[in-house]
Amino acid sequence: RRLWLAVFGVVSVVLAQGINELIQ
């Protein structure tokens, strides 16, 4: 469970940065 939470956390950070770049 902890590993999946870490994976989802990393994916969400990467997606958030990508969306931020698209917005900019």
PDB file of all heavy atoms in Angstrom:
ATOM      1  N   ARG A   1       0.826  -1.204   0.000  1.00  0.00           N
ATOM      2  CA  ARG A   1       0.000   0.000   0.000  1.00  0.00           C
ATOM      3  C   ARG A   1       0.863   1.258   0.000  1.00  0.00           C
ATOM      4  O   ARG A   1       0.578   2.219  -0.713  1.00  0.00           O
ATOM      5  CB  ARG A   1      -0.933   0.013   1.218  1.00  0.00           C
ATOM      6  CG  ARG A   1      -2.233  -0.718   0.943  1.00  0.00           C
ATOM      7  CD  ARG A   1      -3.209  -0.515   2.090  1.00  0.00           C
ATOM      8  NE  ARG A   1      -3.218  -1.758   2.858  1.00  0.00           N
ATOM      9  CZ  ARG A   1      -3.200  -1.843   4.169  1.00  0.00           C
ATOM     10  NH1 ARG A   1      -3.172  -0.764   4.912  1.00  0.00           N
ATOM     11  NH2 ARG A   1      -3.211  -3.009   4.773  1.00  0.00           N
ATOM     12  N   ARG A   2       1.908   1.248   0.802  1.00  0.00           N
ATOM     13  CA  ARG A   2       2.792   2.417   0.859  1.00  0.00           C
ATOM     14  C   ARG A   2       3.509   2.642  -0.468  1.00  0.00           C
ATOM     15  O   ARG A   2       3.668   3.781  -0.903  1.00  0.00           O
ATOM     16  CB  ARG A   2       3.824   2.236   1.977  1.00  0.00           C
ATOM     17  CG  ARG A   2       3.230   2.356   3.345  1.00  0.00           C
ATOM     18  CD  ARG A   2       4.269   2.131   4.404  1.00  0.00           C
ATOM     19  NE  ARG A   2       3.659   2.130   5.721  1.00  0.00           N
ATOM     20  CZ  ARG A   2       4.281   1.757   6.820  1.00  0.00           C
ATOM     21  NH1 ARG A   2       5.536   1.348   6.753  1.00  0.00           N
ATOM     22  NH2 ARG A   2       3.670   1.787   7.982  1.00  0.00           N
ATOM     23  N   LEU A   3       3.934   1.557  -1.108  1.00  0.00           N
ATOM     24  CA  LEU A   3       4.606   1.704  -2.396  1.00  0.00           C
ATOM     25  C   LEU A   3       3.660   2.264  -3.449  1.00  0.00           C
ATOM     26  O   LEU A   3       4.044   3.125  -4.248  1.00  0.00           O
ATOM     27  CB  LEU A   3       5.181   0.359  -2.846  1.00  0.00           C
ATOM     28  CG  LEU A   3       6.425  -0.100  -2.095  1.00  0.00           C
ATOM     29  CD1 LEU A   3       6.794  -1.513  -2.514  1.00  0.00           C
ATOM     30  CD2 LEU A   3       7.583   0.842  -2.349  1.00  0.00           C
ATOM     31  N   TRP A   4       2.418   1.778  -3.483  1.00  0.00           N
ATOM     32  CA  TRP A   4       1.458   2.296  -4.448  1.00  0.00           C
ATOM     33  C   TRP A   4       1.156   3.763  -4.168  1.00  0.00           C
ATOM     34  O   TRP A   4       1.001   4.571  -5.092  1.00  0.00           O
ATOM     35  CB  TRP A   4       0.168   1.483  -4.450  1.00  0.00           C
ATOM     36  CG  TRP A   4       0.279   0.246  -5.273  1.00  0.00           C
ATOM     37  CD1 TRP A   4       0.240  -1.036  -4.838  1.00  0.00           C
ATOM     38  CD2 TRP A   4       0.478   0.181  -6.690  1.00  0.00           C
ATOM     39  NE1 TRP A   4       0.403  -1.896  -5.896  1.00  0.00           N
ATOM     40  CE2 TRP A   4       0.539  -1.180  -7.044  1.00  0.00           C
ATOM     41  CE3 TRP A   4       0.604   1.136  -7.681  1.00  0.00           C
ATOM     42  CZ2 TRP A   4       0.729  -1.591  -8.354  1.00  0.00           C
ATOM     43  CZ3 TRP A   4       0.785   0.718  -8.995  1.00  0.00           C
ATOM     44  CH2 TRP A   4       0.848  -0.628  -9.317  1.00  0.00           C
ATOM     45  N   LEU A   5       1.094   4.125  -2.898  1.00  0.00           N
ATOM     46  CA  LEU A   5       0.867   5.526  -2.558  1.00  0.00           C
ATOM     47  C   LEU A   5       2.021   6.385  -3.052  1.00  0.00           C
ATOM     48  O   LEU A   5       1.812   7.475  -3.598  1.00  0.00           O
ATOM     49  CB  LEU A   5       0.707   5.666  -1.041  1.00  0.00           C
ATOM     50  CG  LEU A   5       0.346   7.053  -0.518  1.00  0.00           C
ATOM     51  CD1 LEU A   5      -0.995   7.501  -1.065  1.00  0.00           C
ATOM     52  CD2 LEU A   5       0.335   7.051   0.998  1.00  0.00           C
ATOM     53  N   ALA A   6       3.246   5.908  -2.902  1.00  0.00           N
ATOM     54  CA  ALA A   6       4.417   6.640  -3.400  1.00  0.00           C
ATOM     55  C   ALA A   6       4.375   6.759  -4.921  1.00  0.00           C
ATOM     56  O   ALA A   6       4.667   7.827  -5.475  1.00  0.00           O
ATOM     57  CB  ALA A   6       5.699   5.949  -2.955  1.00  0.00           C
ATOM     58  N   VAL A   7       4.016   5.680  -5.605  1.00  0.00           N
ATOM     59  CA  VAL A   7       3.936   5.714  -7.074  1.00  0.00           C
ATOM     60  C   VAL A   7       2.886   6.721  -7.513  1.00  0.00           C
ATOM     61  O   VAL A   7       3.131   7.545  -8.415  1.00  0.00           O
ATOM     62  CB  VAL A   7       3.627   4.303  -7.633  1.00  0.00           C
ATOM     63  CG1 VAL A   7       3.218   4.377  -9.100  1.00  0.00           C
ATOM     64  CG2 VAL A   7       4.818   3.390  -7.446  1.00  0.00           C
ATOM     65  N   PHE A   8       1.704   6.685  -6.903  1.00  0.00           N
ATOM     66  CA  PHE A   8       0.658   7.635  -7.273  1.00  0.00           C
ATOM     67  C   PHE A   8       1.076   9.066  -6.951  1.00  0.00           C
ATOM     68  O   PHE A   8       0.739  10.002  -7.674  1.00  0.00           O
ATOM     69  CB  PHE A   8      -0.661   7.305  -6.583  1.00  0.00           C
ATOM     70  CG  PHE A   8      -1.325   6.074  -7.136  1.00  0.00           C
ATOM     71  CD1 PHE A   8      -1.914   5.148  -6.289  1.00  0.00           C
ATOM     72  CD2 PHE A   8      -1.384   5.846  -8.498  1.00  0.00           C
ATOM     73  CE1 PHE A   8      -2.522   4.019  -6.791  1.00  0.00           C
ATOM     74  CE2 PHE A   8      -1.996   4.718  -9.018  1.00  0.00           C
ATOM     75  CZ  PHE A   8      -2.572   3.807  -8.163  1.00  0.00           C
ATOM     76  N   GLY A   9       1.820   9.254  -5.875  1.00  0.00           N
ATOM     77  CA  GLY A   9       2.315  10.579  -5.537  1.00  0.00           C
ATOM     78  C   GLY A   9       3.267  11.106  -6.584  1.00  0.00           C
ATOM     79  O   GLY A   9       3.166  12.267  -7.009  1.00  0.00           O
ATOM     80  N   VAL A  10       4.195  10.277  -7.021  1.00  0.00           N
ATOM     81  CA  VAL A  10       5.148  10.689  -8.056  1.00  0.00           C
ATOM     82  C   VAL A  10       4.423  10.988  -9.362  1.00  0.00           C
ATOM     83  O   VAL A  10       4.695  11.998 -10.032  1.00  0.00           O
ATOM     84  CB  VAL A  10       6.236   9.609  -8.256  1.00  0.00           C
ATOM     85  CG1 VAL A  10       7.067   9.888  -9.497  1.00  0.00           C
ATOM     86  CG2 VAL A  10       7.125   9.517  -7.023  1.00  0.00           C
ATOM     87  N   VAL A  11       3.491  10.137  -9.743  1.00  0.00           N
ATOM     88  CA  VAL A  11       2.740  10.359 -10.987  1.00  0.00           C
ATOM     89  C   VAL A  11       1.944  11.651 -10.908  1.00  0.00           C
ATOM     90  O   VAL A  11       1.899  12.433 -11.872  1.00  0.00           O
ATOM     91  CB  VAL A  11       1.817   9.149 -11.275  1.00  0.00           C
ATOM     92  CG1 VAL A  11       0.823   9.469 -12.388  1.00  0.00           C
ATOM     93  CG2 VAL A  11       2.648   7.936 -11.635  1.00  0.00           C
ATOM     94  N   SER A  12       1.330  11.912  -9.761  1.00  0.00           N
ATOM     95  CA  SER A  12       0.545  13.148  -9.639  1.00  0.00           C
ATOM     96  C   SER A  12       1.433  14.383  -9.708  1.00  0.00           C
ATOM     97  O   SER A  12       1.043  15.395 -10.295  1.00  0.00           O
ATOM     98  CB  SER A  12      -0.269  13.137  -8.348  1.00  0.00           C
ATOM     99  OG  SER A  12       0.590  13.133  -7.220  1.00  0.00           O
ATOM    100  N   VAL A  13       2.631  14.332  -9.127  1.00  0.00           N
ATOM    101  CA  VAL A  13       3.552  15.467  -9.219  1.00  0.00           C
ATOM    102  C   VAL A  13       3.982  15.682 -10.659  1.00  0.00           C
ATOM    103  O   VAL A  13       4.007  16.828 -11.151  1.00  0.00           O
ATOM    104  CB  VAL A  13       4.775  15.246  -8.291  1.00  0.00           C
ATOM    105  CG1 VAL A  13       5.878  16.254  -8.598  1.00  0.00           C
ATOM    106  CG2 VAL A  13       4.362  15.338  -6.829  1.00  0.00           C
ATOM    107  N   VAL A  14       4.304  14.621 -11.365  1.00  0.00           N
ATOM    108  CA  VAL A  14       4.716  14.745 -12.766  1.00  0.00           C
ATOM    109  C   VAL A  14       3.572  15.313 -13.607  1.00  0.00           C
ATOM    110  O   VAL A  14       3.770  16.208 -14.438  1.00  0.00           O
ATOM    111  CB  VAL A  14       5.202  13.382 -13.313  1.00  0.00           C
ATOM    112  CG1 VAL A  14       5.368  13.433 -14.824  1.00  0.00           C
ATOM    113  CG2 VAL A  14       6.488  12.970 -12.635  1.00  0.00           C
ATOM    114  N   LEU A  15       2.359  14.824 -13.398  1.00  0.00           N
ATOM    115  CA  LEU A  15       1.201  15.344 -14.140  1.00  0.00           C
ATOM    116  C   LEU A  15       0.946  16.806 -13.803  1.00  0.00           C
ATOM    117  O   LEU A  15       0.626  17.618 -14.683  1.00  0.00           O
ATOM    118  CB  LEU A  15      -0.042  14.509 -13.852  1.00  0.00           C
ATOM    119  CG  LEU A  15      -0.092  13.138 -14.515  1.00  0.00           C
ATOM    120  CD1 LEU A  15      -1.332  12.373 -14.050  1.00  0.00           C
ATOM    121  CD2 LEU A  15      -0.091  13.263 -16.018  1.00  0.00           C
ATOM    122  N   ALA A  16       1.064  17.162 -12.538  1.00  0.00           N
ATOM    123  CA  ALA A  16       0.845  18.552 -12.141  1.00  0.00           C
ATOM    124  C   ALA A  16       1.870  19.469 -12.792  1.00  0.00           C
ATOM    125  O   ALA A  16       1.531  20.565 -13.262  1.00  0.00           O
ATOM    126  CB  ALA A  16       0.910  18.684 -10.619  1.00  0.00           C
ATOM    127  N   GLN A  17       3.113  19.041 -12.856  1.00  0.00           N
ATOM    128  CA  GLN A  17       4.136  19.852 -13.518  1.00  0.00           C
ATOM    129  C   GLN A  17       3.865  19.973 -15.012  1.00  0.00           C
ATOM    130  O   GLN A  17       4.047  21.044 -15.616  1.00  0.00           O
ATOM    131  CB  GLN A  17       5.526  19.269 -13.269  1.00  0.00           C
ATOM    132  CG  GLN A  17       6.024  19.480 -11.860  1.00  0.00           C
ATOM    133  CD  GLN A  17       7.390  18.851 -11.621  1.00  0.00           C
ATOM    134  OE1 GLN A  17       7.883  18.092 -12.463  1.00  0.00           O
ATOM    135  NE2 GLN A  17       7.978  19.161 -10.480  1.00  0.00           N
ATOM    136  N   GLY A  18       3.432  18.892 -15.620  1.00  0.00           N
ATOM    137  CA  GLY A  18       3.098  18.924 -17.048  1.00  0.00           C
ATOM    138  C   GLY A  18       1.940  19.860 -17.331  1.00  0.00           C
ATOM    139  O   GLY A  18       1.967  20.647 -18.292  1.00  0.00           O
ATOM    140  N   ILE A  19       0.913  19.791 -16.506  1.00  0.00           N
ATOM    141  CA  ILE A  19      -0.243  20.679 -16.682  1.00  0.00           C
ATOM    142  C   ILE A  19       0.177  22.125 -16.459  1.00  0.00           C
ATOM    143  O   ILE A  19      -0.254  23.038 -17.184  1.00  0.00           O
ATOM    144  CB  ILE A  19      -1.383  20.260 -15.734  1.00  0.00           C
ATOM    145  CG1 ILE A  19      -1.960  18.918 -16.190  1.00  0.00           C
ATOM    146  CG2 ILE A  19      -2.474  21.320 -15.663  1.00  0.00           C
ATOM    147  CD1 ILE A  19      -2.950  18.308 -15.232  1.00  0.00           C
ATOM    148  N   ASN A  20       1.031  22.347 -15.479  1.00  0.00           N
ATOM    149  CA  ASN A  20       1.526  23.691 -15.212  1.00  0.00           C
ATOM    150  C   ASN A  20       2.287  24.235 -16.435  1.00  0.00           C
ATOM    151  O   ASN A  20       2.122  25.408 -16.814  1.00  0.00           O
ATOM    152  CB  ASN A  20       2.416  23.690 -13.966  1.00  0.00           C
ATOM    153  CG  ASN A  20       2.766  25.073 -13.490  1.00  0.00           C
ATOM    154  OD1 ASN A  20       2.088  26.041 -13.848  1.00  0.00           O
ATOM    155  ND2 ASN A  20       3.804  25.175 -12.705  1.00  0.00           N
ATOM    156  N   GLU A  21       3.112  23.413 -17.044  1.00  0.00           N
ATOM    157  CA  GLU A  21       3.844  23.825 -18.241  1.00  0.00           C
ATOM    158  C   GLU A  21       2.888  24.145 -19.380  1.00  0.00           C
ATOM    159  O   GLU A  21       3.074  25.128 -20.102  1.00  0.00           O
ATOM    160  CB  GLU A  21       4.825  22.726 -18.676  1.00  0.00           C
ATOM    161  CG  GLU A  21       6.037  22.568 -17.794  1.00  0.00           C
ATOM    162  CD  GLU A  21       6.961  23.795 -17.862  1.00  0.00           C
ATOM    163  OE1 GLU A  21       7.138  24.373 -18.949  1.00  0.00           O
ATOM    164  OE2 GLU A  21       7.473  24.169 -16.790  1.00  0.00           O
ATOM    165  N   LEU A  22       1.851  23.325 -19.562  1.00  0.00           N
ATOM    166  CA  LEU A  22       0.859  23.588 -20.614  1.00  0.00           C
ATOM    167  C   LEU A  22       0.129  24.899 -20.377  1.00  0.00           C
ATOM    168  O   LEU A  22      -0.141  25.660 -21.321  1.00  0.00           O
ATOM    169  CB  LEU A  22      -0.126  22.435 -20.706  1.00  0.00           C
ATOM    170  CG  LEU A  22       0.394  21.125 -21.311  1.00  0.00           C
ATOM    171  CD1 LEU A  22      -0.672  20.047 -21.211  1.00  0.00           C
ATOM    172  CD2 LEU A  22       0.809  21.341 -22.749  1.00  0.00           C
ATOM    173  N   ILE A  23      -0.197  25.158 -19.133  1.00  0.00           N
ATOM    174  CA  ILE A  23      -0.891  26.405 -18.806  1.00  0.00           C
ATOM    175  C   ILE A  23       0.026  27.596 -19.090  1.00  0.00           C
ATOM    176  O   ILE A  23      -0.421  28.625 -19.647  1.00  0.00           O
ATOM    177  CB  ILE A  23      -1.358  26.391 -17.346  1.00  0.00           C
ATOM    178  CG1 ILE A  23      -2.491  25.392 -17.188  1.00  0.00           C
ATOM    179  CG2 ILE A  23      -1.816  27.776 -16.898  1.00  0.00           C
ATOM    180  CD1 ILE A  23      -2.921  25.159 -15.754  1.00  0.00           C
ATOM    181  N   GLN A  24       1.295  27.479 -18.732  1.00  0.00           N
ATOM    182  CA  GLN A  24       2.225  28.578 -18.966  1.00  0.00           C
ATOM    183  C   GLN A  24       2.444  28.806 -20.461  1.00  0.00           C
ATOM    184  O   GLN A  24       2.551  29.933 -20.928  1.00  0.00           O
ATOM    185  CB  GLN A  24       3.565  28.303 -18.276  1.00  0.00           C
ATOM    186  CG  GLN A  24       3.521  28.479 -16.782  1.00  0.00           C
ATOM    187  CD  GLN A  24       4.867  28.208 -16.136  1.00  0.00           C
ATOM    188  OE1 GLN A  24       5.839  27.881 -16.815  1.00  0.00           O
ATOM    189  NE2 GLN A  24       4.904  28.318 -14.820  1.00  0.00           N
TER     190      GLN A  24
END
